[in-house]
């Protein structure tokens, strides 16, 4: 069980770090083609998308951790 918790914690930390790490080179290249309000909207949209993906990932990890806890308790 301890190994499962450690793996889940590491996955969550990685997801949070990548979400807060800014834009990928491909995203930045796309943003560089825009200006003014269009660029601001696209930056906001990409940021929101990253946050949504991170929350979905963390929820999935925590759900799986809960399932593993129940399974381990049954042993």
C-alpha atoms as a PDB file:
ATOM      1  CA  UNK A   1       0.000   0.000   0.000  1.00  0.00           C
ATOM      2  CA  UNK A   2       2.852   2.351   0.810  1.00  0.00           C
ATOM      3  CA  UNK A   3       4.266   1.894  -2.711  1.00  0.00           C
ATOM      4  CA  UNK A   4       0.865   2.788  -4.194  1.00  0.00           C
ATOM      5  CA  UNK A   5       0.718   5.980  -2.117  1.00  0.00           C
ATOM      6  CA  UNK A   6       4.247   6.944  -3.112  1.00  0.00           C
ATOM      7  CA  UNK A   7       3.519   6.369  -6.813  1.00  0.00           C
ATOM      8  CA  UNK A   8       0.254   8.317  -6.605  1.00  0.00           C
ATOM      9  CA  UNK A   9       1.963  11.214  -4.800  1.00  0.00           C
ATOM     10  CA  UNK A  10       4.732  11.342  -7.403  1.00  0.00           C
ATOM     11  CA  UNK A  11       2.206  11.319 -10.263  1.00  0.00           C
ATOM     12  CA  UNK A  12       0.198  14.145  -8.700  1.00  0.00           C
ATOM     13  CA  UNK A  13       3.335  16.246  -8.129  1.00  0.00           C
ATOM     14  CA  UNK A  14       4.426  15.711 -11.736  1.00  0.00           C
ATOM     15  CA  UNK A  15       0.992  16.713 -13.050  1.00  0.00           C
ATOM     16  CA  UNK A  16       0.903  19.871 -10.952  1.00  0.00           C
ATOM     17  CA  UNK A  17       4.423  20.874 -11.976  1.00  0.00           C
ATOM     18  CA  UNK A  18       3.740  20.387 -15.674  1.00  0.00           C
ATOM     19  CA  UNK A  19       0.465  22.294 -15.416  1.00  0.00           C
ATOM     20  CA  UNK A  20       2.193  25.296 -13.846  1.00  0.00           C
ATOM     21  CA  UNK A  21       5.237  25.081 -16.108  1.00  0.00           C
ATOM     22  CA  UNK A  22       3.972  27.371 -18.852  1.00  0.00           C
ATOM     23  CA  UNK A  23       3.503  26.553 -22.497  1.00  0.00           C
ATOM     24  CA  UNK A  24       5.210  23.934 -24.615  1.00  0.00           C
ATOM     25  CA  UNK A  25       7.398  25.073 -27.530  1.00  0.00           C
ATOM     26  CA  UNK A  26       4.611  24.174 -29.997  1.00  0.00           C
ATOM     27  CA  UNK A  27       2.056  26.158 -27.976  1.00  0.00           C
ATOM     28  CA  UNK A  28       4.432  29.106 -27.699  1.00  0.00           C
ATOM     29  CA  UNK A  29       5.057  29.034 -31.467  1.00  0.00           C
ATOM     30  CA  UNK A  30       1.301  29.147 -32.070  1.00  0.00           C
ATOM     31  CA  UNK A  31       0.902  31.998 -29.578  1.00  0.00           C
ATOM     32  CA  UNK A  32       3.659  33.959 -31.302  1.00  0.00           C
ATOM     33  CA  UNK A  33       1.501  34.144 -34.438  1.00  0.00           C
ATOM     34  CA  UNK A  34      -1.209  36.024 -32.507  1.00  0.00           C
ATOM     35  CA  UNK A  35      -1.325  39.483 -31.002  1.00  0.00           C
ATOM     36  CA  UNK A  36      -3.472  41.658 -28.794  1.00  0.00           C
ATOM     37  CA  UNK A  37      -6.758  40.282 -27.484  1.00  0.00           C
ATOM     38  CA  UNK A  38      -6.496  37.131 -29.617  1.00  0.00           C
ATOM     39  CA  UNK A  39      -3.214  36.189 -27.961  1.00  0.00           C
ATOM     40  CA  UNK A  40      -4.605  36.906 -24.495  1.00  0.00           C
ATOM     41  CA  UNK A  41      -7.686  34.753 -25.177  1.00  0.00           C
ATOM     42  CA  UNK A  42      -5.570  31.875 -26.500  1.00  0.00           C
ATOM     43  CA  UNK A  43      -3.229  32.037 -23.486  1.00  0.00           C
ATOM     44  CA  UNK A  44      -6.240  31.938 -21.162  1.00  0.00           C
ATOM     45  CA  UNK A  45      -7.764  29.040 -23.092  1.00  0.00           C
ATOM     46  CA  UNK A  46      -4.540  27.020 -23.046  1.00  0.00           C
ATOM     47  CA  UNK A  47      -4.077  27.703 -19.332  1.00  0.00           C
ATOM     48  CA  UNK A  48      -7.626  26.605 -18.564  1.00  0.00           C
ATOM     49  CA  UNK A  49      -7.190  23.458 -20.649  1.00  0.00           C
ATOM     50  CA  UNK A  50      -4.010  22.554 -18.744  1.00  0.00           C
ATOM     51  CA  UNK A  51      -5.792  23.067 -15.427  1.00  0.00           C
ATOM     52  CA  UNK A  52      -8.730  20.904 -16.508  1.00  0.00           C
ATOM     53  CA  UNK A  53      -6.414  18.114 -17.661  1.00  0.00           C
ATOM     54  CA  UNK A  54      -4.504  18.271 -14.383  1.00  0.00           C
ATOM     55  CA  UNK A  55      -7.665  18.105 -12.266  1.00  0.00           C
ATOM     56  CA  UNK A  56      -8.984  15.171 -14.310  1.00  0.00           C
ATOM     57  CA  UNK A  57      -5.673  13.334 -13.933  1.00  0.00           C
ATOM     58  CA  UNK A  58      -5.452  13.932 -10.188  1.00  0.00           C
ATOM     59  CA  UNK A  59      -9.062  12.814  -9.736  1.00  0.00           C
ATOM     60  CA  UNK A  60      -8.315   9.612 -11.622  1.00  0.00           C
ATOM     61  CA  UNK A  61      -5.186   8.941  -9.542  1.00  0.00           C
ATOM     62  CA  UNK A  62      -7.024   9.540  -6.276  1.00  0.00           C
ATOM     63  CA  UNK A  63      -9.918   7.340  -7.366  1.00  0.00           C
ATOM     64  CA  UNK A  64      -7.523   4.514  -8.230  1.00  0.00           C
ATOM     65  CA  UNK A  65      -5.708   5.006  -4.920  1.00  0.00           C
ATOM     66  CA  UNK A  66      -9.036   4.626  -3.109  1.00  0.00           C
ATOM     67  CA  UNK A  67      -9.791   1.424  -5.002  1.00  0.00           C
ATOM     68  CA  UNK A  68      -6.355   0.032  -4.156  1.00  0.00           C
ATOM     69  CA  UNK A  69      -6.931   0.886  -0.487  1.00  0.00           C
ATOM     70  CA  UNK A  70     -10.189  -1.096  -0.463  1.00  0.00           C
ATOM     71  CA  UNK A  71      -8.537  -4.039  -2.210  1.00  0.00           C
ATOM     72  CA  UNK A  72      -5.626  -4.038   0.229  1.00  0.00           C
ATOM     73  CA  UNK A  73      -8.024  -3.882   3.182  1.00  0.00           C
ATOM     74  CA  UNK A  74      -9.772  -7.005   1.889  1.00  0.00           C
ATOM     75  CA  UNK A  75      -6.557  -9.051   2.067  1.00  0.00           C
END
